[in-house]
Amino acid sequence: MELNNRLLSLTGTAGVTLKSELYLLQQLIVQQTFSLQNNNTKDSTAYKNLSQNLFSVTKMTQIFNPMIRRWAAQKQVTIMVNSNAATKACDITVKGRDSEIRKVKEEFDSFLGWLQMCAVVRHPDSGVSPRLLRAEVRANCEDIEERISHITDPKRTYIDLYNNVKSSTATRETRMEGVAWVAV
């Protein structure tokens, strides 16, 4: 093992080198805990929205599961999200390298920024369809609303899906709508 200008070189047989590298990487792993909290001023709209939405999020921490699995698979970072009913916040424990922990914290901060702008957070299985666009926005975005309706239409049959994906009239757009319909 040799250190030269912040560059670490490991030499030796493959087994010894790999074990040394694994040991060094394990020593870089630290654990940090932080909370998703409302830090806005008490009388602001952002504070009210974020308080209401954080309360909803504490009841459904499973919405973070895709993110937890992504970080575990790609960067070997362990994330645990626990709801704290007393403080109406989520306690997050991250175990990984410092640089990766900072990135995870930035992602959660970005989520909080979005959450304070969101008017209402509904449970994913609530059965309530998404709200329509306002009339003034609707006039300019009819094509977008039509595409959204193709993706969220519950009356769509497998024949419709087949025609959108594999027929001679299928386009890239209709194929993507079919894939999105299956995902939704």
N, C-alpha and C. Protein backbone atom coordinates (compact mmCIF):
# COMPACT_ATOMS: atom_id res chain seq x y z
N MET A 1 0.86 -1.17 0.00
CA MET A 1 0.00 0.00 0.00
C MET A 1 0.90 1.23 0.00
N GLU A 2 0.59 2.17 -0.91
CA GLU A 2 1.44 3.35 -1.06
C GLU A 2 0.55 4.58 -1.28
N LEU A 3 0.83 5.66 -0.57
CA LEU A 3 0.08 6.90 -0.70
C LEU A 3 0.99 7.97 -1.30
N ASN A 4 0.56 8.55 -2.44
CA ASN A 4 1.36 9.54 -3.13
C ASN A 4 0.44 10.64 -3.66
N ASN A 5 0.53 11.85 -3.10
CA ASN A 5 -0.32 12.98 -3.51
C ASN A 5 -1.80 12.61 -3.51
N ARG A 6 -2.29 12.10 -2.40
CA ARG A 6 -3.68 11.72 -2.21
C ARG A 6 -4.13 10.60 -3.13
N LEU A 7 -3.19 9.91 -3.77
CA LEU A 7 -3.48 8.78 -4.63
C LEU A 7 -2.98 7.52 -3.92
N LEU A 8 -3.88 6.61 -3.66
CA LEU A 8 -3.55 5.39 -2.95
C LEU A 8 -3.34 4.27 -3.96
N SER A 9 -2.21 3.61 -3.88
CA SER A 9 -1.90 2.50 -4.78
C SER A 9 -1.81 1.22 -3.97
N LEU A 10 -2.51 0.21 -4.42
CA LEU A 10 -2.46 -1.10 -3.78
C LEU A 10 -1.74 -2.05 -4.73
N THR A 11 -0.74 -2.73 -4.24
CA THR A 11 0.00 -3.69 -5.06
C THR A 11 0.06 -5.02 -4.33
N GLY A 12 0.20 -6.08 -5.09
CA GLY A 12 0.29 -7.41 -4.52
C GLY A 12 -0.57 -8.37 -5.30
N THR A 13 -0.79 -9.52 -4.72
CA THR A 13 -1.62 -10.51 -5.41
C THR A 13 -3.07 -10.03 -5.43
N ALA A 14 -3.84 -10.60 -6.35
CA ALA A 14 -5.22 -10.15 -6.54
C ALA A 14 -6.04 -10.31 -5.27
N GLY A 15 -5.91 -11.43 -4.60
CA GLY A 15 -6.70 -11.67 -3.39
C GLY A 15 -6.41 -10.67 -2.30
N VAL A 16 -5.15 -10.39 -2.05
CA VAL A 16 -4.76 -9.43 -1.01
C VAL A 16 -5.21 -8.03 -1.39
N THR A 17 -5.03 -7.67 -2.66
CA THR A 17 -5.41 -6.33 -3.12
C THR A 17 -6.91 -6.12 -3.00
N LEU A 18 -7.71 -7.11 -3.43
CA LEU A 18 -9.16 -6.97 -3.35
C LEU A 18 -9.65 -6.91 -1.91
N LYS A 19 -9.06 -7.71 -1.03
CA LYS A 19 -9.45 -7.65 0.39
C LYS A 19 -9.08 -6.30 1.00
N SER A 20 -7.92 -5.77 0.63
CA SER A 20 -7.50 -4.46 1.14
C SER A 20 -8.44 -3.37 0.64
N GLU A 21 -8.81 -3.44 -0.63
CA GLU A 21 -9.72 -2.44 -1.20
C GLU A 21 -11.07 -2.52 -0.52
N LEU A 22 -11.58 -3.71 -0.30
CA LEU A 22 -12.86 -3.88 0.38
C LEU A 22 -12.79 -3.32 1.79
N TYR A 23 -11.71 -3.58 2.51
CA TYR A 23 -11.55 -3.06 3.86
C TYR A 23 -11.53 -1.53 3.86
N LEU A 24 -10.80 -0.93 2.92
CA LEU A 24 -10.73 0.54 2.84
C LEU A 24 -12.10 1.14 2.53
N LEU A 25 -12.83 0.52 1.60
CA LEU A 25 -14.16 1.03 1.26
C LEU A 25 -15.12 0.91 2.45
N GLN A 26 -15.00 -0.17 3.21
CA GLN A 26 -15.86 -0.33 4.39
C GLN A 26 -15.54 0.71 5.46
N GLN A 27 -14.29 1.15 5.54
CA GLN A 27 -13.91 2.16 6.52
C GLN A 27 -14.43 3.54 6.14
N LEU A 28 -14.74 3.75 4.86
CA LEU A 28 -15.27 5.05 4.41
C LEU A 28 -16.75 5.21 4.71
N ILE A 29 -17.43 4.13 5.08
CA ILE A 29 -18.87 4.18 5.30
C ILE A 29 -19.17 4.79 6.67
N VAL A 30 -20.04 5.80 6.66
CA VAL A 30 -20.49 6.45 7.89
C VAL A 30 -22.01 6.47 7.90
N GLN A 31 -22.57 6.82 9.02
CA GLN A 31 -24.02 6.89 9.17
C GLN A 31 -24.41 8.29 9.59
N GLN A 32 -25.46 8.81 8.96
CA GLN A 32 -25.94 10.15 9.29
C GLN A 32 -27.46 10.12 9.37
N THR A 33 -28.00 10.86 10.31
CA THR A 33 -29.45 10.94 10.50
C THR A 33 -29.89 12.39 10.35
N PHE A 34 -30.99 12.58 9.62
CA PHE A 34 -31.59 13.91 9.50
C PHE A 34 -33.10 13.73 9.38
N SER A 35 -33.82 14.84 9.46
CA SER A 35 -35.28 14.79 9.43
C SER A 35 -35.82 15.64 8.30
N LEU A 36 -36.95 15.21 7.78
CA LEU A 36 -37.70 16.05 6.85
C LEU A 36 -38.57 16.96 7.71
N GLN A 37 -38.17 18.21 7.83
CA GLN A 37 -38.87 19.14 8.71
C GLN A 37 -39.31 20.37 7.94
N ASN A 38 -40.28 21.04 8.50
CA ASN A 38 -40.79 22.27 7.92
C ASN A 38 -40.00 23.44 8.50
N ASN A 39 -39.17 24.06 7.68
CA ASN A 39 -38.34 25.19 8.14
C ASN A 39 -38.83 26.53 7.60
N ASN A 40 -40.04 26.58 7.07
CA ASN A 40 -40.59 27.83 6.55
C ASN A 40 -41.12 28.69 7.70
N THR A 41 -41.39 29.97 7.40
CA THR A 41 -41.97 30.84 8.42
C THR A 41 -43.41 30.40 8.71
N LYS A 42 -43.81 30.52 9.96
CA LYS A 42 -45.07 29.93 10.43
C LYS A 42 -46.33 30.40 9.71
N ASP A 43 -46.38 31.64 9.28
CA ASP A 43 -47.62 32.16 8.70
C ASP A 43 -47.67 32.09 7.18
N SER A 44 -46.71 31.46 6.56
CA SER A 44 -46.66 31.44 5.09
C SER A 44 -47.49 30.29 4.53
N THR A 45 -47.86 30.43 3.26
CA THR A 45 -48.60 29.37 2.57
C THR A 45 -47.74 28.13 2.43
N ALA A 46 -46.46 28.34 2.16
CA ALA A 46 -45.54 27.21 2.02
C ALA A 46 -45.49 26.40 3.32
N TYR A 47 -45.54 27.08 4.46
CA TYR A 47 -45.52 26.39 5.76
C TYR A 47 -46.77 25.53 5.92
N LYS A 48 -47.93 26.10 5.58
CA LYS A 48 -49.19 25.36 5.72
C LYS A 48 -49.22 24.15 4.79
N ASN A 49 -48.83 24.37 3.52
CA ASN A 49 -48.80 23.26 2.56
C ASN A 49 -47.85 22.16 3.02
N LEU A 50 -46.65 22.56 3.40
CA LEU A 50 -45.64 21.57 3.79
C LEU A 50 -46.04 20.83 5.06
N SER A 51 -46.65 21.53 6.02
CA SER A 51 -47.10 20.86 7.25
C SER A 51 -48.14 19.79 6.93
N GLN A 52 -49.11 20.16 6.11
CA GLN A 52 -50.17 19.23 5.75
C GLN A 52 -49.60 18.05 4.95
N ASN A 53 -48.73 18.35 4.01
CA ASN A 53 -48.19 17.29 3.15
C ASN A 53 -47.20 16.40 3.89
N LEU A 54 -46.40 16.98 4.80
CA LEU A 54 -45.49 16.15 5.60
C LEU A 54 -46.27 15.19 6.49
N PHE A 55 -47.39 15.66 7.02
CA PHE A 55 -48.23 14.79 7.84
C PHE A 55 -48.73 13.62 7.00
N SER A 56 -49.12 13.89 5.74
CA SER A 56 -49.56 12.81 4.85
C SER A 56 -48.42 11.86 4.52
N VAL A 57 -47.24 12.41 4.28
CA VAL A 57 -46.09 11.59 3.91
C VAL A 57 -45.67 10.69 5.07
N THR A 58 -45.81 11.16 6.32
CA THR A 58 -45.43 10.32 7.46
C THR A 58 -46.31 9.07 7.55
N LYS A 59 -47.50 9.13 6.98
CA LYS A 59 -48.39 7.97 7.00
C LYS A 59 -48.11 7.00 5.86
N MET A 60 -47.37 7.43 4.86
CA MET A 60 -47.11 6.56 3.70
C MET A 60 -45.64 6.62 3.28
N THR A 61 -44.77 6.21 4.17
CA THR A 61 -43.34 6.26 3.88
C THR A 61 -42.93 5.29 2.78
N GLN A 62 -43.83 4.40 2.37
CA GLN A 62 -43.51 3.47 1.29
C GLN A 62 -43.31 4.17 -0.05
N ILE A 63 -43.69 5.44 -0.16
CA ILE A 63 -43.45 6.15 -1.42
C ILE A 63 -41.96 6.36 -1.67
N PHE A 64 -41.14 6.20 -0.64
CA PHE A 64 -39.70 6.33 -0.80
C PHE A 64 -39.02 5.02 -1.21
N ASN A 65 -39.76 3.92 -1.26
CA ASN A 65 -39.16 2.62 -1.56
C ASN A 65 -38.42 2.58 -2.90
N PRO A 66 -38.96 3.14 -4.00
CA PRO A 66 -38.19 3.12 -5.25
C PRO A 66 -36.85 3.86 -5.12
N MET A 67 -36.85 4.97 -4.42
CA MET A 67 -35.61 5.72 -4.22
C MET A 67 -34.63 4.91 -3.36
N ILE A 68 -35.13 4.27 -2.32
CA ILE A 68 -34.29 3.47 -1.44
C ILE A 68 -33.65 2.33 -2.23
N ARG A 69 -34.45 1.65 -3.05
CA ARG A 69 -33.91 0.55 -3.86
C ARG A 69 -32.90 1.05 -4.89
N ARG A 70 -33.17 2.21 -5.50
CA ARG A 70 -32.25 2.76 -6.50
C ARG A 70 -30.90 3.08 -5.88
N TRP A 71 -30.89 3.75 -4.72
CA TRP A 71 -29.62 4.09 -4.07
C TRP A 71 -28.89 2.83 -3.61
N ALA A 72 -29.62 1.83 -3.15
CA ALA A 72 -28.97 0.59 -2.71
C ALA A 72 -28.33 -0.15 -3.88
N ALA A 73 -29.02 -0.18 -5.01
CA ALA A 73 -28.51 -0.91 -6.17
C ALA A 73 -27.38 -0.17 -6.87
N GLN A 74 -27.49 1.14 -7.00
CA GLN A 74 -26.52 1.89 -7.79
C GLN A 74 -25.30 2.34 -6.99
N LYS A 75 -25.50 2.77 -5.76
CA LYS A 75 -24.40 3.38 -5.00
C LYS A 75 -24.10 2.69 -3.68
N GLN A 76 -24.74 1.55 -3.39
CA GLN A 76 -24.54 0.81 -2.15
C GLN A 76 -24.76 1.70 -0.92
N VAL A 77 -25.81 2.50 -0.98
CA VAL A 77 -26.19 3.38 0.13
C VAL A 77 -27.46 2.83 0.75
N THR A 78 -27.46 2.69 2.07
CA THR A 78 -28.63 2.19 2.78
C THR A 78 -29.41 3.37 3.35
N ILE A 79 -30.70 3.44 3.03
CA ILE A 79 -31.56 4.52 3.52
C ILE A 79 -32.71 3.89 4.30
N MET A 80 -32.95 4.41 5.49
CA MET A 80 -34.10 3.99 6.29
C MET A 80 -34.95 5.22 6.59
N VAL A 81 -36.25 5.12 6.30
CA VAL A 81 -37.17 6.22 6.55
C VAL A 81 -38.16 5.77 7.61
N ASN A 82 -38.20 6.50 8.72
CA ASN A 82 -39.12 6.19 9.82
C ASN A 82 -39.99 7.41 10.08
N SER A 83 -41.28 7.17 10.24
CA SER A 83 -42.16 8.29 10.55
C SER A 83 -42.13 8.55 12.05
N ASN A 84 -42.12 9.83 12.38
CA ASN A 84 -42.10 10.26 13.77
C ASN A 84 -43.40 11.01 14.03
N ALA A 85 -44.36 10.34 14.65
CA ALA A 85 -45.68 10.93 14.87
C ALA A 85 -45.62 12.11 15.83
N ALA A 86 -44.69 12.08 16.76
CA ALA A 86 -44.60 13.16 17.76
C ALA A 86 -44.23 14.49 17.11
N THR A 87 -43.30 14.46 16.18
CA THR A 87 -42.86 15.71 15.54
C THR A 87 -43.52 15.93 14.19
N LYS A 88 -44.35 14.97 13.74
CA LYS A 88 -44.99 15.03 12.42
C LYS A 88 -43.96 15.23 11.32
N ALA A 89 -42.90 14.46 11.41
CA ALA A 89 -41.81 14.53 10.43
C ALA A 89 -41.30 13.11 10.18
N CYS A 90 -40.45 12.98 9.18
CA CYS A 90 -39.82 11.70 8.86
C CYS A 90 -38.36 11.75 9.27
N ASP A 91 -37.92 10.76 10.03
CA ASP A 91 -36.52 10.64 10.39
C ASP A 91 -35.85 9.73 9.37
N ILE A 92 -34.76 10.20 8.80
CA ILE A 92 -34.07 9.47 7.74
C ILE A 92 -32.66 9.14 8.21
N THR A 93 -32.31 7.88 8.11
CA THR A 93 -30.96 7.42 8.45
C THR A 93 -30.31 6.92 7.17
N VAL A 94 -29.16 7.50 6.84
CA VAL A 94 -28.43 7.15 5.62
C VAL A 94 -27.08 6.57 6.02
N LYS A 95 -26.75 5.45 5.42
CA LYS A 95 -25.47 4.80 5.69
C LYS A 95 -24.74 4.62 4.36
N GLY A 96 -23.59 5.29 4.24
CA GLY A 96 -22.81 5.23 3.01
C GLY A 96 -21.61 6.15 3.11
N ARG A 97 -21.02 6.45 1.96
CA ARG A 97 -19.88 7.37 1.94
C ARG A 97 -20.37 8.80 2.06
N ASP A 98 -19.51 9.69 2.57
CA ASP A 98 -19.89 11.10 2.78
C ASP A 98 -20.44 11.75 1.53
N SER A 99 -19.78 11.56 0.41
CA SER A 99 -20.22 12.21 -0.83
C SER A 99 -21.60 11.72 -1.25
N GLU A 100 -21.86 10.44 -1.06
CA GLU A 100 -23.17 9.88 -1.43
C GLU A 100 -24.25 10.35 -0.45
N ILE A 101 -23.90 10.47 0.82
CA ILE A 101 -24.86 10.96 1.81
C ILE A 101 -25.29 12.38 1.48
N ARG A 102 -24.34 13.22 1.05
CA ARG A 102 -24.69 14.59 0.65
C ARG A 102 -25.66 14.58 -0.53
N LYS A 103 -25.45 13.69 -1.48
CA LYS A 103 -26.35 13.61 -2.64
C LYS A 103 -27.74 13.14 -2.24
N VAL A 104 -27.81 12.19 -1.31
CA VAL A 104 -29.11 11.72 -0.81
C VAL A 104 -29.83 12.87 -0.11
N LYS A 105 -29.10 13.62 0.71
CA LYS A 105 -29.70 14.76 1.43
C LYS A 105 -30.21 15.79 0.43
N GLU A 106 -29.45 16.06 -0.64
CA GLU A 106 -29.90 17.00 -1.67
C GLU A 106 -31.17 16.50 -2.34
N GLU A 107 -31.28 15.20 -2.56
CA GLU A 107 -32.48 14.65 -3.19
C GLU A 107 -33.69 14.80 -2.27
N PHE A 108 -33.51 14.56 -0.98
CA PHE A 108 -34.61 14.76 -0.04
C PHE A 108 -34.97 16.24 0.08
N ASP A 109 -33.98 17.13 0.06
CA ASP A 109 -34.26 18.57 0.09
C ASP A 109 -35.03 19.00 -1.14
N SER A 110 -34.69 18.44 -2.28
CA SER A 110 -35.42 18.73 -3.52
C SER A 110 -36.87 18.26 -3.39
N PHE A 111 -37.07 17.09 -2.79
CA PHE A 111 -38.42 16.57 -2.55
C PHE A 111 -39.19 17.52 -1.64
N LEU A 112 -38.55 18.03 -0.59
CA LEU A 112 -39.22 18.99 0.31
C LEU A 112 -39.60 20.26 -0.44
N GLY A 113 -38.73 20.73 -1.33
CA GLY A 113 -39.04 21.91 -2.13
C GLY A 113 -40.27 21.70 -2.98
N TRP A 114 -40.37 20.51 -3.57
CA TRP A 114 -41.55 20.20 -4.38
C TRP A 114 -42.78 20.05 -3.49
N LEU A 115 -42.60 19.43 -2.32
CA LEU A 115 -43.72 19.16 -1.42
C LEU A 115 -44.36 20.43 -0.89
N GLN A 116 -43.56 21.48 -0.66
CA GLN A 116 -44.14 22.72 -0.14
C GLN A 116 -44.93 23.46 -1.21
N MET A 117 -44.66 23.19 -2.49
CA MET A 117 -45.42 23.82 -3.57
C MET A 117 -46.68 23.05 -3.90
N CYS A 118 -46.74 21.80 -3.49
CA CYS A 118 -47.85 20.92 -3.82
C CYS A 118 -49.07 21.27 -2.96
N ALA A 119 -50.23 21.39 -3.59
CA ALA A 119 -51.43 21.76 -2.85
C ALA A 119 -51.93 20.62 -1.98
N VAL A 120 -51.99 19.41 -2.53
CA VAL A 120 -52.52 18.26 -1.79
C VAL A 120 -51.72 17.03 -2.20
N VAL A 121 -51.36 16.22 -1.23
CA VAL A 121 -50.74 14.93 -1.51
C VAL A 121 -51.76 13.86 -1.17
N ARG A 122 -52.12 13.06 -2.17
CA ARG A 122 -53.08 11.99 -1.94
C ARG A 122 -52.34 10.66 -1.83
N HIS A 123 -52.96 9.75 -1.13
CA HIS A 123 -52.41 8.41 -1.02
C HIS A 123 -52.42 7.77 -2.41
N PRO A 124 -51.36 7.05 -2.78
CA PRO A 124 -51.30 6.47 -4.13
C PRO A 124 -52.47 5.55 -4.46
N ASP A 125 -53.05 4.88 -3.46
CA ASP A 125 -54.16 3.96 -3.71
C ASP A 125 -55.51 4.55 -3.34
N SER A 126 -55.63 5.87 -3.37
CA SER A 126 -56.88 6.50 -2.94
C SER A 126 -58.01 6.32 -3.94
N GLY A 127 -57.68 6.03 -5.20
CA GLY A 127 -58.71 5.84 -6.21
C GLY A 127 -59.23 7.14 -6.79
N VAL A 128 -58.68 8.26 -6.37
CA VAL A 128 -59.11 9.56 -6.89
C VAL A 128 -58.27 9.88 -8.12
N SER A 129 -58.93 10.18 -9.23
CA SER A 129 -58.17 10.50 -10.43
C SER A 129 -57.58 11.90 -10.32
N PRO A 130 -56.50 12.16 -11.05
CA PRO A 130 -55.85 13.47 -10.96
C PRO A 130 -56.78 14.60 -11.37
N ARG A 131 -56.55 15.75 -10.77
CA ARG A 131 -57.37 16.92 -11.04
C ARG A 131 -57.09 17.43 -12.45
N LEU A 132 -58.11 17.94 -13.10
CA LEU A 132 -57.95 18.47 -14.46
C LEU A 132 -57.25 19.82 -14.42
N LEU A 133 -56.69 20.17 -15.55
CA LEU A 133 -56.04 21.47 -15.67
C LEU A 133 -57.07 22.59 -15.64
N ARG A 134 -56.66 23.77 -15.18
CA ARG A 134 -57.56 24.92 -15.17
C ARG A 134 -57.94 25.30 -16.59
N ALA A 135 -59.08 25.96 -16.75
CA ALA A 135 -59.61 26.27 -18.08
C ALA A 135 -58.65 27.11 -18.91
N GLU A 136 -58.00 28.11 -18.29
CA GLU A 136 -57.09 28.95 -19.06
C GLU A 136 -55.84 28.20 -19.52
N VAL A 137 -55.42 27.22 -18.74
CA VAL A 137 -54.27 26.41 -19.13
C VAL A 137 -54.70 25.34 -20.13
N ARG A 138 -55.92 24.86 -19.96
CA ARG A 138 -56.45 23.79 -20.80
C ARG A 138 -56.50 24.17 -22.27
N ALA A 139 -56.84 25.41 -22.56
CA ALA A 139 -56.96 25.85 -23.95
C ALA A 139 -55.64 25.70 -24.69
N ASN A 140 -54.53 25.92 -23.99
CA ASN A 140 -53.21 25.83 -24.62
C ASN A 140 -52.63 24.42 -24.61
N CYS A 141 -53.18 23.55 -23.78
CA CYS A 141 -52.56 22.24 -23.57
C CYS A 141 -53.50 21.07 -23.87
N GLU A 142 -54.35 21.20 -24.87
CA GLU A 142 -55.30 20.13 -25.17
C GLU A 142 -54.59 18.85 -25.57
N ASP A 143 -53.49 18.97 -26.31
CA ASP A 143 -52.77 17.77 -26.75
C ASP A 143 -52.15 17.03 -25.56
N ILE A 144 -51.67 17.78 -24.58
CA ILE A 144 -51.09 17.15 -23.40
C ILE A 144 -52.17 16.43 -22.60
N GLU A 145 -53.31 17.07 -22.45
CA GLU A 145 -54.40 16.46 -21.70
C GLU A 145 -54.89 15.19 -22.40
N GLU A 146 -54.91 15.21 -23.73
CA GLU A 146 -55.33 14.03 -24.48
C GLU A 146 -54.34 12.88 -24.27
N ARG A 147 -53.04 13.19 -24.28
CA ARG A 147 -52.03 12.15 -24.05
C ARG A 147 -52.14 11.58 -22.64
N ILE A 148 -52.40 12.46 -21.67
CA ILE A 148 -52.57 11.98 -20.29
C ILE A 148 -53.78 11.06 -20.19
N SER A 149 -54.86 11.41 -20.89
CA SER A 149 -56.06 10.57 -20.85
C SER A 149 -55.80 9.20 -21.48
N HIS A 150 -54.92 9.14 -22.50
CA HIS A 150 -54.57 7.84 -23.09
C HIS A 150 -53.86 6.97 -22.07
N ILE A 151 -53.04 7.59 -21.23
CA ILE A 151 -52.25 6.83 -20.26
C ILE A 151 -53.08 6.41 -19.05
N THR A 152 -54.03 7.25 -18.64
CA THR A 152 -54.77 6.98 -17.40
C THR A 152 -56.16 6.39 -17.64
N ASP A 153 -56.52 6.07 -18.87
CA ASP A 153 -57.85 5.56 -19.19
C ASP A 153 -58.03 4.14 -18.65
N PRO A 154 -58.91 3.94 -17.66
CA PRO A 154 -59.09 2.60 -17.10
C PRO A 154 -59.89 1.67 -18.01
N LYS A 155 -60.58 2.21 -19.00
CA LYS A 155 -61.42 1.39 -19.88
C LYS A 155 -60.65 0.86 -21.09
N ARG A 156 -59.37 1.09 -21.12
CA ARG A 156 -58.54 0.65 -22.23
C ARG A 156 -58.42 -0.87 -22.21
N THR A 157 -58.59 -1.50 -23.37
CA THR A 157 -58.54 -2.96 -23.45
C THR A 157 -57.18 -3.42 -23.96
N TYR A 158 -56.95 -4.73 -23.87
CA TYR A 158 -55.69 -5.28 -24.38
C TYR A 158 -55.61 -5.17 -25.90
N ILE A 159 -56.75 -5.15 -26.56
CA ILE A 159 -56.75 -4.96 -28.02
C ILE A 159 -56.26 -3.55 -28.35
N ASP A 160 -56.72 -2.56 -27.59
CA ASP A 160 -56.23 -1.19 -27.79
C ASP A 160 -54.73 -1.12 -27.56
N LEU A 161 -54.27 -1.76 -26.51
CA LEU A 161 -52.83 -1.76 -26.22
C LEU A 161 -52.04 -2.43 -27.34
N TYR A 162 -52.55 -3.56 -27.82
CA TYR A 162 -51.86 -4.26 -28.91
C TYR A 162 -51.79 -3.37 -30.15
N ASN A 163 -52.90 -2.72 -30.48
CA ASN A 163 -52.92 -1.83 -31.65
C ASN A 163 -51.95 -0.67 -31.48
N ASN A 164 -51.82 -0.16 -30.27
CA ASN A 164 -50.91 0.95 -30.03
C ASN A 164 -49.44 0.53 -30.05
N VAL A 165 -49.18 -0.73 -29.72
CA VAL A 165 -47.79 -1.16 -29.60
C VAL A 165 -47.30 -1.92 -30.83
N LYS A 166 -48.12 -2.80 -31.41
CA LYS A 166 -47.61 -3.70 -32.44
C LYS A 166 -48.28 -3.58 -33.80
N SER A 167 -49.30 -2.78 -33.96
CA SER A 167 -49.97 -2.71 -35.26
C SER A 167 -49.14 -1.93 -36.27
N SER A 168 -49.60 -1.94 -37.51
CA SER A 168 -48.87 -1.23 -38.56
C SER A 168 -48.98 0.29 -38.40
N THR A 169 -49.97 0.75 -37.65
CA THR A 169 -50.13 2.19 -37.43
C THR A 169 -49.44 2.67 -36.15
N ALA A 170 -48.77 1.76 -35.46
CA ALA A 170 -48.11 2.12 -34.19
C ALA A 170 -46.94 3.06 -34.45
N THR A 171 -46.85 4.07 -33.61
CA THR A 171 -45.74 5.02 -33.68
C THR A 171 -44.96 4.94 -32.37
N ARG A 172 -43.87 5.65 -32.32
CA ARG A 172 -43.08 5.68 -31.09
C ARG A 172 -43.92 6.24 -29.95
N GLU A 173 -44.72 7.25 -30.26
CA GLU A 173 -45.56 7.88 -29.23
C GLU A 173 -46.61 6.91 -28.71
N THR A 174 -47.29 6.17 -29.61
CA THR A 174 -48.32 5.24 -29.14
C THR A 174 -47.70 4.08 -28.37
N ARG A 175 -46.49 3.66 -28.75
CA ARG A 175 -45.81 2.61 -27.99
C ARG A 175 -45.49 3.08 -26.57
N MET A 176 -45.01 4.31 -26.45
CA MET A 176 -44.69 4.86 -25.13
C MET A 176 -45.96 5.02 -24.29
N GLU A 177 -47.08 5.39 -24.92
CA GLU A 177 -48.34 5.48 -24.19
C GLU A 177 -48.76 4.11 -23.66
N GLY A 178 -48.56 3.07 -24.48
CA GLY A 178 -48.90 1.72 -24.04
C GLY A 178 -48.05 1.28 -22.86
N VAL A 179 -46.76 1.56 -22.92
CA VAL A 179 -45.86 1.22 -21.81
C VAL A 179 -46.24 1.99 -20.56
N ALA A 180 -46.54 3.27 -20.72
CA ALA A 180 -46.93 4.10 -19.57
C ALA A 180 -48.25 3.62 -18.98
N TRP A 181 -49.20 3.19 -19.82
CA TRP A 181 -50.48 2.70 -19.32
C TRP A 181 -50.26 1.47 -18.44
N VAL A 182 -49.37 0.57 -18.88
CA VAL A 182 -49.08 -0.63 -18.10
C VAL A 182 -48.44 -0.24 -16.77
N ALA A 183 -47.56 0.75 -16.80
CA ALA A 183 -46.87 1.18 -15.58
C ALA A 183 -47.82 1.84 -14.59
N VAL A 184 -48.79 2.60 -15.11
CA VAL A 184 -49.73 3.31 -14.24
C VAL A 184 -50.75 2.34 -13.72
